[in-house]
PDB file of N, CA and C in Angstrom:
ATOM      1  N   MET A   1       6.014 -13.307   5.761  1.00  0.00           N
ATOM      2  CA  MET A   1       5.581 -13.641   4.270  1.00  0.00           C
ATOM      3  C   MET A   1       6.175 -14.839   3.753  1.00  0.00           C
ATOM      4  N   ASP A   2       5.996 -15.181   3.128  1.00  0.00           N
ATOM      5  CA  ASP A   2       5.479 -16.859   2.102  1.00  0.00           C
ATOM      6  C   ASP A   2       6.889 -16.399   1.558  1.00  0.00           C
ATOM      7  N   ILE A   3       8.067 -17.562   1.214  1.00  0.00           N
ATOM      8  CA  ILE A   3       9.423 -17.460   0.843  1.00  0.00           C
ATOM      9  C   ILE A   3       9.660 -17.343  -0.665  1.00  0.00           C
ATOM     10  N   SER A   4       8.157 -16.800  -1.511  1.00  0.00           N
ATOM     11  CA  SER A   4       8.075 -17.134  -2.860  1.00  0.00           C
ATOM     12  C   SER A   4       7.700 -15.457  -3.158  1.00  0.00           C
ATOM     13  N   MET A   5       6.861 -14.860  -2.181  1.00  0.00           N
ATOM     14  CA  MET A   5       7.285 -13.361  -2.298  1.00  0.00           C
ATOM     15  C   MET A   5       8.009 -12.857  -1.937  1.00  0.00           C
ATOM     16  N   LYS A   6       9.270 -13.565  -0.798  1.00  0.00           N
ATOM     17  CA  LYS A   6       9.901 -12.070  -0.421  1.00  0.00           C
ATOM     18  C   LYS A   6      11.037 -12.712  -1.652  1.00  0.00           C
ATOM     19  N   ALA A   7      11.388 -13.938  -2.367  1.00  0.00           N
ATOM     20  CA  ALA A   7      11.981 -13.858  -3.848  1.00  0.00           C
ATOM     21  C   ALA A   7      11.941 -12.759  -5.128  1.00  0.00           C
ATOM     22  N   ALA A   8      10.767 -13.243  -4.662  1.00  0.00           N
ATOM     23  CA  ALA A   8       9.615 -11.913  -6.089  1.00  0.00           C
ATOM     24  C   ALA A   8      10.169 -10.949  -5.723  1.00  0.00           C
ATOM     25  N   ILE A   9       9.995 -10.368  -4.620  1.00  0.00           N
ATOM     26  CA  ILE A   9      10.364  -9.211  -4.433  1.00  0.00           C
ATOM     27  C   ILE A   9      11.867  -8.766  -4.438  1.00  0.00           C
ATOM     28  N   LYS A  10      12.663  -9.633  -3.920  1.00  0.00           N
ATOM     29  CA  LYS A  10      14.261  -9.385  -4.352  1.00  0.00           C
ATOM     30  C   LYS A  10      14.698  -9.720  -5.768  1.00  0.00           C
ATOM     31  N   LYS A  11      14.261 -10.401  -6.684  1.00  0.00           N
ATOM     32  CA  LYS A  11      13.940  -9.854  -7.482  1.00  0.00           C
ATOM     33  C   LYS A  11      13.980  -9.044  -8.861  1.00  0.00           C
ATOM     34  N   TYR A  12      12.435  -8.155  -7.824  1.00  0.00           N
ATOM     35  CA  TYR A  12      12.049  -7.029  -8.234  1.00  0.00           C
ATOM     36  C   TYR A  12      12.983  -5.927  -7.833  1.00  0.00           C
ATOM     37  N   HIS A  13      13.605  -5.800  -7.074  1.00  0.00           N
ATOM     38  CA  HIS A  13      14.950  -4.966  -6.932  1.00  0.00           C
ATOM     39  C   HIS A  13      16.025  -5.319  -7.897  1.00  0.00           C
ATOM     40  N   GLU A  14      16.079  -6.571  -8.263  1.00  0.00           N
ATOM     41  CA  GLU A  14      17.497  -7.010  -8.441  1.00  0.00           C
ATOM     42  C   GLU A  14      17.018  -5.961 -10.427  1.00  0.00           C
ATOM     43  N   ILE A  15      16.243  -6.419 -10.690  1.00  0.00           N
ATOM     44  CA  ILE A  15      15.793  -5.738 -12.392  1.00  0.00           C
ATOM     45  C   ILE A  15      14.471  -4.895 -12.317  1.00  0.00           C
ATOM     46  N   LYS A  16      14.462  -3.893 -12.073  1.00  0.00           N
ATOM     47  CA  LYS A  16      13.706  -3.050 -11.994  1.00  0.00           C
ATOM     48  C   LYS A  16      14.093  -2.172 -11.982  1.00  0.00           C
ATOM     49  N   ASP A  17      15.427  -1.602 -12.943  1.00  0.00           N
ATOM     50  CA  ASP A  17      16.421  -0.650 -12.901  1.00  0.00           C
ATOM     51  C   ASP A  17      16.736  -1.117 -14.430  1.00  0.00           C
ATOM     52  N   ASP A  18      16.609  -1.933 -15.299  1.00  0.00           N
ATOM     53  CA  ASP A  18      16.635  -2.016 -16.430  1.00  0.00           C
ATOM     54  C   ASP A  18      15.091  -2.485 -17.158  1.00  0.00           C
ATOM     55  N   TYR A  19      13.989  -2.110 -16.376  1.00  0.00           N
ATOM     56  CA  TYR A  19      12.637  -2.227 -17.471  1.00  0.00           C
ATOM     57  C   TYR A  19      11.949  -1.151 -16.867  1.00  0.00           C
ATOM     58  N   SER A  20      10.771  -0.271 -17.714  1.00  0.00           N
ATOM     59  CA  SER A  20      10.017   0.685 -17.027  1.00  0.00           C
ATOM     60  C   SER A  20       8.706  -0.275 -15.804  1.00  0.00           C
ATOM     61  N   ILE A  21       9.350   0.944 -15.074  1.00  0.00           N
ATOM     62  CA  ILE A  21       8.220   0.231 -14.326  1.00  0.00           C
ATOM     63  C   ILE A  21       7.007   1.143 -14.467  1.00  0.00           C
ATOM     64  N   ILE A  22       6.221  -0.345 -14.179  1.00  0.00           N
ATOM     65  CA  ILE A  22       4.285   0.481 -14.584  1.00  0.00           C
ATOM     66  C   ILE A  22       3.608  -0.530 -13.095  1.00  0.00           C
ATOM     67  N   PRO A  23       3.323   1.208 -12.490  1.00  0.00           N
ATOM     68  CA  PRO A  23       2.884   0.823 -11.232  1.00  0.00           C
ATOM     69  C   PRO A  23       1.460  -0.208 -11.802  1.00  0.00           C
ATOM     70  N   GLY A  24       0.827   0.110 -12.550  1.00  0.00           N
ATOM     71  CA  GLY A  24      -0.143  -1.509 -13.084  1.00  0.00           C
ATOM     72  C   GLY A  24      -0.208  -2.629 -12.733  1.00  0.00           C
ATOM     73  N   GLN A  25       1.211  -3.089 -13.222  1.00  0.00           N
ATOM     74  CA  GLN A  25       1.425  -4.326 -13.219  1.00  0.00           C
ATOM     75  C   GLN A  25       1.535  -4.801 -11.754  1.00  0.00           C
ATOM     76  N   LEU A  26       1.970  -4.044 -10.832  1.00  0.00           N
ATOM     77  CA  LEU A  26       2.128  -4.269  -9.890  1.00  0.00           C
ATOM     78  C   LEU A  26       1.242  -3.948  -8.875  1.00  0.00           C
ATOM     79  N   MET A  27       0.104  -2.986  -9.338  1.00  0.00           N
ATOM     80  CA  MET A  27      -1.269  -3.011  -8.599  1.00  0.00           C
ATOM     81  C   MET A  27      -2.577  -4.357  -8.993  1.00  0.00           C
ATOM     82  N   ILE A  28      -1.596  -5.045  -9.886  1.00  0.00           N
ATOM     83  CA  ILE A  28      -2.886  -6.515 -10.470  1.00  0.00           C
ATOM     84  C   ILE A  28      -2.048  -7.755  -9.977  1.00  0.00           C
ATOM     85  N   VAL A  29      -0.687  -7.616  -8.985  1.00  0.00           N
ATOM     86  CA  VAL A  29      -0.320  -8.671  -8.548  1.00  0.00           C
ATOM     87  C   VAL A  29      -0.892  -8.367  -7.107  1.00  0.00           C
ATOM     88  N   LEU A  30      -0.753  -7.158  -6.612  1.00  0.00           N
ATOM     89  CA  LEU A  30      -1.182  -6.500  -5.372  1.00  0.00           C
ATOM     90  C   LEU A  30      -3.065  -6.836  -5.622  1.00  0.00           C
ATOM     91  N   HIS A  31      -3.671  -6.192  -5.963  1.00  0.00           N
ATOM     92  CA  HIS A  31      -5.088  -7.059  -6.309  1.00  0.00           C
ATOM     93  C   HIS A  31      -5.347  -8.373  -5.859  1.00  0.00           C
ATOM     94  N   GLY A  32      -4.687  -9.366  -6.594  1.00  0.00           N
ATOM     95  CA  GLY A  32      -4.585 -10.361  -6.857  1.00  0.00           C
ATOM     96  C   GLY A  32      -4.301 -10.959  -5.418  1.00  0.00           C
ATOM     97  N   LEU A  33      -3.404 -10.479  -4.454  1.00  0.00           N
ATOM     98  CA  LEU A  33      -3.186 -11.064  -3.067  1.00  0.00           C
ATOM     99  C   LEU A  33      -3.996 -10.816  -2.089  1.00  0.00           C
ATOM    100  N   ASP A  34      -4.745  -9.934  -2.518  1.00  0.00           N
ATOM    101  CA  ASP A  34      -5.759  -8.941  -1.714  1.00  0.00           C
ATOM    102  C   ASP A  34      -7.109  -9.876  -1.772  1.00  0.00           C
ATOM    103  N   ILE A  35      -7.429  -9.304  -2.994  1.00  0.00           N
ATOM    104  CA  ILE A  35      -9.137 -10.349  -3.480  1.00  0.00           C
ATOM    105  C   ILE A  35      -8.683 -12.163  -2.466  1.00  0.00           C
ATOM    106  N   THR A  36      -7.632 -12.647  -2.631  1.00  0.00           N
ATOM    107  CA  THR A  36      -7.156 -14.554  -2.156  1.00  0.00           C
ATOM    108  C   THR A  36      -6.888 -14.162  -0.919  1.00  0.00           C
ATOM    109  N   GLY A  37      -6.866 -12.992  -0.225  1.00  0.00           N
ATOM    110  CA  GLY A  37      -6.974 -13.072   1.665  1.00  0.00           C
ATOM    111  C   GLY A  37      -5.415 -13.116   2.054  1.00  0.00           C
ATOM    112  N   ARG A  38      -4.228 -12.906   0.989  1.00  0.00           N
ATOM    113  CA  ARG A  38      -2.929 -12.935   1.570  1.00  0.00           C
ATOM    114  C   ARG A  38      -2.338 -11.473   1.645  1.00  0.00           C
ATOM    115  N   ILE A  39      -3.659 -10.852   3.124  1.00  0.00           N
ATOM    116  CA  ILE A  39      -2.773  -9.659   3.051  1.00  0.00           C
ATOM    117  C   ILE A  39      -1.617  -9.398   3.371  1.00  0.00           C
ATOM    118  N   GLU A  40      -1.146 -10.018   4.358  1.00  0.00           N
ATOM    119  CA  GLU A  40       0.072 -10.075   4.821  1.00  0.00           C
ATOM    120  C   GLU A  40       1.085  -9.944   3.543  1.00  0.00           C
ATOM    121  N   GLU A  41       0.953 -10.570   2.716  1.00  0.00           N
ATOM    122  CA  GLU A  41       1.637 -10.479   1.043  1.00  0.00           C
ATOM    123  C   GLU A  41       1.209  -9.045   0.337  1.00  0.00           C
ATOM    124  N   ALA A  42      -0.010  -8.810   0.636  1.00  0.00           N
ATOM    125  CA  ALA A  42      -0.156  -7.770   0.058  1.00  0.00           C
ATOM    126  C   ALA A  42      -0.011  -6.355   0.221  1.00  0.00           C
ATOM    127  N   ILE A  43       0.506  -6.426   2.077  1.00  0.00           N
ATOM    128  CA  ILE A  43       1.424  -4.976   3.017  1.00  0.00           C
ATOM    129  C   ILE A  43       2.767  -4.933   2.403  1.00  0.00           C
ATOM    130  N   GLU A  44       3.231  -6.268   2.042  1.00  0.00           N
ATOM    131  CA  GLU A  44       4.783  -5.992   1.829  1.00  0.00           C
ATOM    132  C   GLU A  44       4.992  -5.558   0.496  1.00  0.00           C
ATOM    133  N   LEU A  45       4.169  -6.053  -0.498  1.00  0.00           N
ATOM    134  CA  LEU A  45       3.706  -5.309  -2.259  1.00  0.00           C
ATOM    135  C   LEU A  45       3.510  -4.076  -2.243  1.00  0.00           C
ATOM    136  N   CYS A  46       2.619  -3.383  -1.035  1.00  0.00           N
ATOM    137  CA  CYS A  46       2.124  -2.534  -1.122  1.00  0.00           C
ATOM    138  C   CYS A  46       3.174  -1.067  -0.462  1.00  0.00           C
ATOM    139  N   ASN A  47       3.694  -1.979   0.339  1.00  0.00           N
ATOM    140  CA  ASN A  47       5.573  -1.459   0.953  1.00  0.00           C
ATOM    141  C   ASN A  47       6.058  -0.750  -0.493  1.00  0.00           C
ATOM    142  N   VAL A  48       6.549  -2.170  -0.587  1.00  0.00           N
ATOM    143  CA  VAL A  48       7.385  -1.856  -3.005  1.00  0.00           C
ATOM    144  C   VAL A  48       6.886  -0.793  -2.862  1.00  0.00           C
ATOM    145  N   LEU A  49       5.445  -0.762  -3.497  1.00  0.00           N
ATOM    146  CA  LEU A  49       4.782   0.772  -4.298  1.00  0.00           C
ATOM    147  C   LEU A  49       4.859   1.839  -3.767  1.00  0.00           C
ATOM    148  N   VAL A  50       5.322   1.824  -2.180  1.00  0.00           N
ATOM    149  CA  VAL A  50       5.063   2.774  -1.766  1.00  0.00           C
ATOM    150  C   VAL A  50       6.207   3.558  -1.229  1.00  0.00           C
ATOM    151  N   LYS A  51       7.131   3.099  -1.869  1.00  0.00           N
ATOM    152  CA  LYS A  51       8.775   3.358  -1.664  1.00  0.00           C
ATOM    153  C   LYS A  51       9.117   3.345  -2.795  1.00  0.00           C
ATOM    154  N   GLU A  52       8.657   2.598  -4.017  1.00  0.00           N
ATOM    155  CA  GLU A  52       8.844   3.393  -5.798  1.00  0.00           C
ATOM    156  C   GLU A  52       8.229   4.689  -6.598  1.00  0.00           C
ATOM    157  N   PHE A  53       6.992   5.089  -5.193  1.00  0.00           N
ATOM    158  CA  PHE A  53       6.245   5.894  -6.288  1.00  0.00           C
ATOM    159  C   PHE A  53       5.431   6.265  -4.214  1.00  0.00           C
ATOM    160  N   PRO A  54       6.997   7.136  -3.933  1.00  0.00           N
ATOM    161  CA  PRO A  54       6.401   7.824  -2.628  1.00  0.00           C
ATOM    162  C   PRO A  54       5.583   9.141  -2.411  1.00  0.00           C
ATOM    163  N   LYS A  55       5.355   9.754  -3.435  1.00  0.00           N
ATOM    164  CA  LYS A  55       4.057  10.225  -3.795  1.00  0.00           C
ATOM    165  C   LYS A  55       3.023  10.243  -3.846  1.00  0.00           C
ATOM    166  N   SER A  56       2.551   9.180  -4.234  1.00  0.00           N
ATOM    167  CA  SER A  56       1.288   8.829  -4.391  1.00  0.00           C
ATOM    168  C   SER A  56       0.487   8.824  -3.497  1.00  0.00           C
ATOM    169  N   SER A  57      -0.676   9.964  -3.600  1.00  0.00           N
ATOM    170  CA  SER A  57      -1.531   9.485  -1.996  1.00  0.00           C
ATOM    171  C   SER A  57      -2.626   7.745  -2.002  1.00  0.00           C
ATOM    172  N   ALA A  58      -2.983   7.797  -3.915  1.00  0.00           N
ATOM    173  CA  ALA A  58      -3.550   6.176  -3.526  1.00  0.00           C
ATOM    174  C   ALA A  58      -2.956   5.178  -3.372  1.00  0.00           C
ATOM    175  N   ASN A  59      -1.580   4.980  -3.018  1.00  0.00           N
ATOM    176  CA  ASN A  59      -0.301   4.221  -2.597  1.00  0.00           C
ATOM    177  C   ASN A  59      -0.662   4.224  -1.108  1.00  0.00           C
ATOM    178  N   HIS A  60      -0.343   4.963  -0.331  1.00  0.00           N
ATOM    179  CA  HIS A  60      -0.538   5.149   0.632  1.00  0.00           C
ATOM    180  C   HIS A  60      -1.720   4.630   1.303  1.00  0.00           C
ATOM    181  N   LYS A  61      -2.741   5.313   0.422  1.00  0.00           N
ATOM    182  CA  LYS A  61      -4.522   4.464   0.772  1.00  0.00           C
ATOM    183  C   LYS A  61      -4.624   3.870   0.886  1.00  0.00           C
ATOM    184  N   ARG A  62      -3.669   3.177  -0.380  1.00  0.00           N
ATOM    185  CA  ARG A  62      -4.164   1.683  -0.529  1.00  0.00           C
ATOM    186  C   ARG A  62      -3.482   0.814   0.753  1.00  0.00           C
ATOM    187  N   LEU A  63      -2.705   1.516   1.012  1.00  0.00           N
ATOM    188  CA  LEU A  63      -1.446   0.170   2.079  1.00  0.00           C
ATOM    189  C   LEU A  63      -2.278   0.549   3.573  1.00  0.00           C
ATOM    190  N   GLY A  64      -3.447   1.688   4.286  1.00  0.00           N
ATOM    191  CA  GLY A  64      -3.883   2.187   5.351  1.00  0.00           C
ATOM    192  C   GLY A  64      -4.865   0.656   5.011  1.00  0.00           C
ATOM    193  N   ASP A  65      -5.738   0.949   4.070  1.00  0.00           N
ATOM    194  CA  ASP A  65      -6.871  -0.083   3.123  1.00  0.00           C
ATOM    195  C   ASP A  65      -5.997  -1.623   4.152  1.00  0.00           C
ATOM    196  N   LEU A  66      -5.128  -2.174   3.398  1.00  0.00           N
ATOM    197  CA  LEU A  66      -4.706  -3.112   3.443  1.00  0.00           C
ATOM    198  C   LEU A  66      -4.705  -3.772   4.902  1.00  0.00           C
ATOM    199  N   TYR A  67      -3.817  -2.167   5.568  1.00  0.00           N
ATOM    200  CA  TYR A  67      -3.217  -2.313   7.188  1.00  0.00           C
ATOM    201  C   TYR A  67      -4.302  -2.734   8.073  1.00  0.00           C
ATOM    202  N   ILE A  68      -6.137  -1.955   7.459  1.00  0.00           N
ATOM    203  CA  ILE A  68      -7.112  -2.475   8.360  1.00  0.00           C
ATOM    204  C   ILE A  68      -7.566  -4.023   8.158  1.00  0.00           C
ATOM    205  N   LYS A  69      -7.451  -3.948   6.896  1.00  0.00           N
ATOM    206  CA  LYS A  69      -7.728  -6.099   6.575  1.00  0.00           C
ATOM    207  C   LYS A  69      -6.961  -6.536   7.520  1.00  0.00           C
ATOM    208  N   ASN A  70      -6.035  -5.818   8.071  1.00  0.00           N
ATOM    209  CA  ASN A  70      -4.204  -7.082   9.268  1.00  0.00           C
ATOM    210  C   ASN A  70      -4.729  -6.191  10.722  1.00  0.00           C
ATOM    211  N   ASN A  71      -6.296  -5.580  10.783  1.00  0.00           N
ATOM    212  CA  ASN A  71      -6.525  -5.229  11.891  1.00  0.00           C
ATOM    213  C   ASN A  71      -5.279  -5.088  12.596  1.00  0.00           C
ATOM    214  N   ASP A  72      -4.477  -4.117  11.809  1.00  0.00           N
ATOM    215  CA  ASP A  72      -3.619  -2.807  12.559  1.00  0.00           C
ATOM    216  C   ASP A  72      -3.583  -1.654  11.888  1.00  0.00           C
ATOM    217  N   THR A  73      -4.058  -1.078  13.394  1.00  0.00           N
ATOM    218  CA  THR A  73      -4.957   0.359  13.234  1.00  0.00           C
ATOM    219  C   THR A  73      -3.784   0.842  13.237  1.00  0.00           C
ATOM    220  N   LYS A  74      -2.990   1.358  14.086  1.00  0.00           N
ATOM    221  CA  LYS A  74      -1.789   2.075  14.132  1.00  0.00           C
ATOM    222  C   LYS A  74      -1.222   2.277  13.072  1.00  0.00           C
ATOM    223  N   GLN A  75      -0.675   1.251  11.856  1.00  0.00           N
ATOM    224  CA  GLN A  75      -0.452   1.171  11.228  1.00  0.00           C
ATOM    225  C   GLN A  75      -1.461   1.851   9.755  1.00  0.00           C
ATOM    226  N   ALA A  76      -2.571   2.163  10.057  1.00  0.00           N
ATOM    227  CA  ALA A  76      -3.342   2.628   9.346  1.00  0.00           C
ATOM    228  C   ALA A  76      -3.187   3.828   9.051  1.00  0.00           C
ATOM    229  N   ILE A  77      -3.043   4.737  10.120  1.00  0.00           N
ATOM    230  CA  ILE A  77      -3.969   6.053  10.213  1.00  0.00           C
ATOM    231  C   ILE A  77      -2.571   6.328  10.033  1.00  0.00           C
ATOM    232  N   ARG A  78      -1.627   6.108   9.821  1.00  0.00           N
ATOM    233  CA  ARG A  78      -0.070   6.417   9.993  1.00  0.00           C
ATOM    234  C   ARG A  78       0.035   6.861   8.166  1.00  0.00           C
ATOM    235  N   SER A  79      -0.214   5.342   7.733  1.00  0.00           N
ATOM    236  CA  SER A  79      -0.452   5.265   5.829  1.00  0.00           C
ATOM    237  C   SER A  79      -1.976   6.283   5.314  1.00  0.00           C
ATOM    238  N   TYR A  80      -2.513   6.374   5.899  1.00  0.00           N
ATOM    239  CA  TYR A  80      -3.726   7.045   5.628  1.00  0.00           C
ATOM    240  C   TYR A  80      -3.684   8.961   6.172  1.00  0.00           C
ATOM    241  N   LYS A  81      -2.915   9.062   7.003  1.00  0.00           N
ATOM    242  CA  LYS A  81      -2.640  10.469   7.352  1.00  0.00           C
ATOM    243  C   LYS A  81      -1.043  11.376   6.305  1.00  0.00           C
ATOM    244  N   LYS A  82       0.189  10.192   5.696  1.00  0.00           N
ATOM    245  CA  LYS A  82       0.518  10.604   4.708  1.00  0.00           C
ATOM    246  C   LYS A  82      -0.361  10.568   3.175  1.00  0.00           C
ATOM    247  N   SER A  83      -1.664   9.788   3.109  1.00  0.00           N
ATOM    248  CA  SER A  83      -2.319   9.930   2.224  1.00  0.00           C
ATOM    249  C   SER A  83      -2.758  11.386   2.459  1.00  0.00           C
ATOM    250  N   LEU A  84      -3.056  11.857   3.123  1.00  0.00           N
ATOM    251  CA  LEU A  84      -3.973  13.406   3.381  1.00  0.00           C
ATOM    252  C   LEU A  84      -2.797  14.270   3.730  1.00  0.00           C
ATOM    253  N   GLU A  85      -1.677  13.952   3.746  1.00  0.00           N
ATOM    254  CA  GLU A  85      -0.506  14.776   3.795  1.00  0.00           C
ATOM    255  C   GLU A  85      -0.295  15.094   1.697  1.00  0.00           C
ATOM    256  N   LEU A  86      -0.646  13.987   1.560  1.00  0.00           N
ATOM    257  CA  LEU A  86      -0.485  13.891  -0.213  1.00  0.00           C
ATOM    258  C   LEU A  86      -1.334  14.559  -1.171  1.00  0.00           C
ATOM    259  N   ASP A  87      -3.033  14.269  -0.449  1.00  0.00           N
ATOM    260  CA  ASP A  87      -4.331  15.320  -0.931  1.00  0.00           C
ATOM    261  C   ASP A  87      -4.667  15.651   0.374  1.00  0.00           C
ATOM    262  N   PRO A  88      -4.482  16.556   0.802  1.00  0.00           N
ATOM    263  CA  PRO A  88      -5.203  17.215   1.459  1.00  0.00           C
ATOM    264  C   PRO A  88      -6.983  17.509   1.356  1.00  0.00           C
ATOM    265  N   ALA A  89      -7.086  17.260   0.051  1.00  0.00           N
ATOM    266  CA  ALA A  89      -9.014  17.747  -0.804  1.00  0.00           C
ATOM    267  C   ALA A  89      -9.004  16.058  -0.719  1.00  0.00           C
ATOM    268  N   ASN A  90      -8.647  15.436  -0.485  1.00  0.00           N
ATOM    269  CA  ASN A  90      -9.164  13.827  -0.440  1.00  0.00           C
ATOM    270  C   ASN A  90     -10.192  13.180   1.514  1.00  0.00           C
ATOM    271  N   THR A  91     -11.691  13.449   0.486  1.00  0.00           N
ATOM    272  CA  THR A  91     -12.343  13.344   1.501  1.00  0.00           C
ATOM    273  C   THR A  91     -12.541  12.239   1.937  1.00  0.00           C
ATOM    274  N   GLU A  92     -12.132  11.655   1.349  1.00  0.00           N
ATOM    275  CA  GLU A  92     -12.866   9.691   1.540  1.00  0.00           C
ATOM    276  C   GLU A  92     -11.242   9.292   2.509  1.00  0.00           C
ATOM    277  N   VAL A  93     -10.163   9.871   2.538  1.00  0.00           N
ATOM    278  CA  VAL A  93      -9.070   9.383   3.495  1.00  0.00           C
ATOM    279  C   VAL A  93      -9.488  10.519   4.696  1.00  0.00           C
ATOM    280  N   ALA A  94      -9.867  11.255   4.482  1.00  0.00           N
ATOM    281  CA  ALA A  94     -10.466  12.342   5.982  1.00  0.00           C
ATOM    282  C   ALA A  94     -11.714  11.889   6.371  1.00  0.00           C
ATOM    283  N   GLU A  95     -12.491  11.146   5.639  1.00  0.00           N
ATOM    284  CA  GLU A  95     -13.726  10.300   6.570  1.00  0.00           C
ATOM    285  C   GLU A  95     -13.210   9.347   7.587  1.00  0.00           C
ATOM    286  N   LEU A  96     -12.165   8.459   6.218  1.00  0.00           N
ATOM    287  CA  LEU A  96     -11.388   7.096   7.161  1.00  0.00           C
ATOM    288  C   LEU A  96     -10.971   7.116   8.067  1.00  0.00           C
ATOM    289  N   LEU A  97      -9.951   8.382   8.618  1.00  0.00           N
ATOM    290  CA  LEU A  97      -9.738   8.824   9.801  1.00  0.00           C
ATOM    291  C   LEU A  97     -10.320   9.320  10.646  1.00  0.00           C
ATOM    292  N   LYS A  98     -11.799   9.633  10.883  1.00  0.00           N
ATOM    293  CA  LYS A  98     -12.764  10.319  10.938  1.00  0.00           C
ATOM    294  C   LYS A  98     -13.195   8.694  11.869  1.00  0.00           C
ATOM    295  N   THR A  99     -13.452   8.171  10.526  1.00  0.00           N
ATOM    296  CA  THR A  99     -14.050   6.579  11.520  1.00  0.00           C
ATOM    297  C   THR A  99     -12.822   6.058  12.499  1.00  0.00           C
ATOM    298  N   LEU A 100     -11.846   6.415  12.490  1.00  0.00           N
ATOM    299  CA  LEU A 100     -10.653   6.086  13.737  1.00  0.00           C
ATOM    300  C   LEU A 100     -10.460   6.656  14.775  1.00  0.00           C
ATOM    301  N   GLY A 101     -11.079   7.640  14.744  1.00  0.00           N
ATOM    302  CA  GLY A 101     -11.000   8.383  15.803  1.00  0.00           C
ATOM    303  C   GLY A 101      -9.673   9.522  15.660  1.00  0.00           C
ATOM    304  N   ILE A 102      -9.745   9.887  14.501  1.00  0.00           N
ATOM    305  CA  ILE A 102      -8.496  10.685  14.773  1.00  0.00           C
ATOM    306  C   ILE A 102      -9.155  11.911  13.264  1.00  0.00           C
ATOM    307  N   THR A 103      -8.759  12.947  14.042  1.00  0.00           N
ATOM    308  CA  THR A 103      -9.249  14.472  12.999  1.00  0.00           C
ATOM    309  C   THR A 103      -8.556  14.969  12.580  1.00  0.00           C
ATOM    310  N   PRO A 104      -8.491  14.873  11.266  1.00  0.00           N
ATOM    311  CA  PRO A 104      -7.568  15.351   9.757  1.00  0.00           C
ATOM    312  C   PRO A 104      -7.383  16.877  10.258  1.00  0.00           C
TER     313      PRO A 104
END
């Protein structure tokens, strides 16, 4: 992970309780990292998002998508399974798991 990303995540943890956490702001940064090919940093930030909002099926799916981009199928499957556990009606995640050889 880039030194600046480590510093940013550290700073986030230092100040997060002093401000309202707005998931959309983290998603903007996450999207920017993703589209610029900074996948490992995006994974780090998405892990922060998942820890802050563990009941968000969408966040677990995003993390799975990033793991796929990073060729880490094992972690992607784990994230997709958690996403599906939180939202069993999510057919998109069920299909993603099927394409990875996992029966949901």
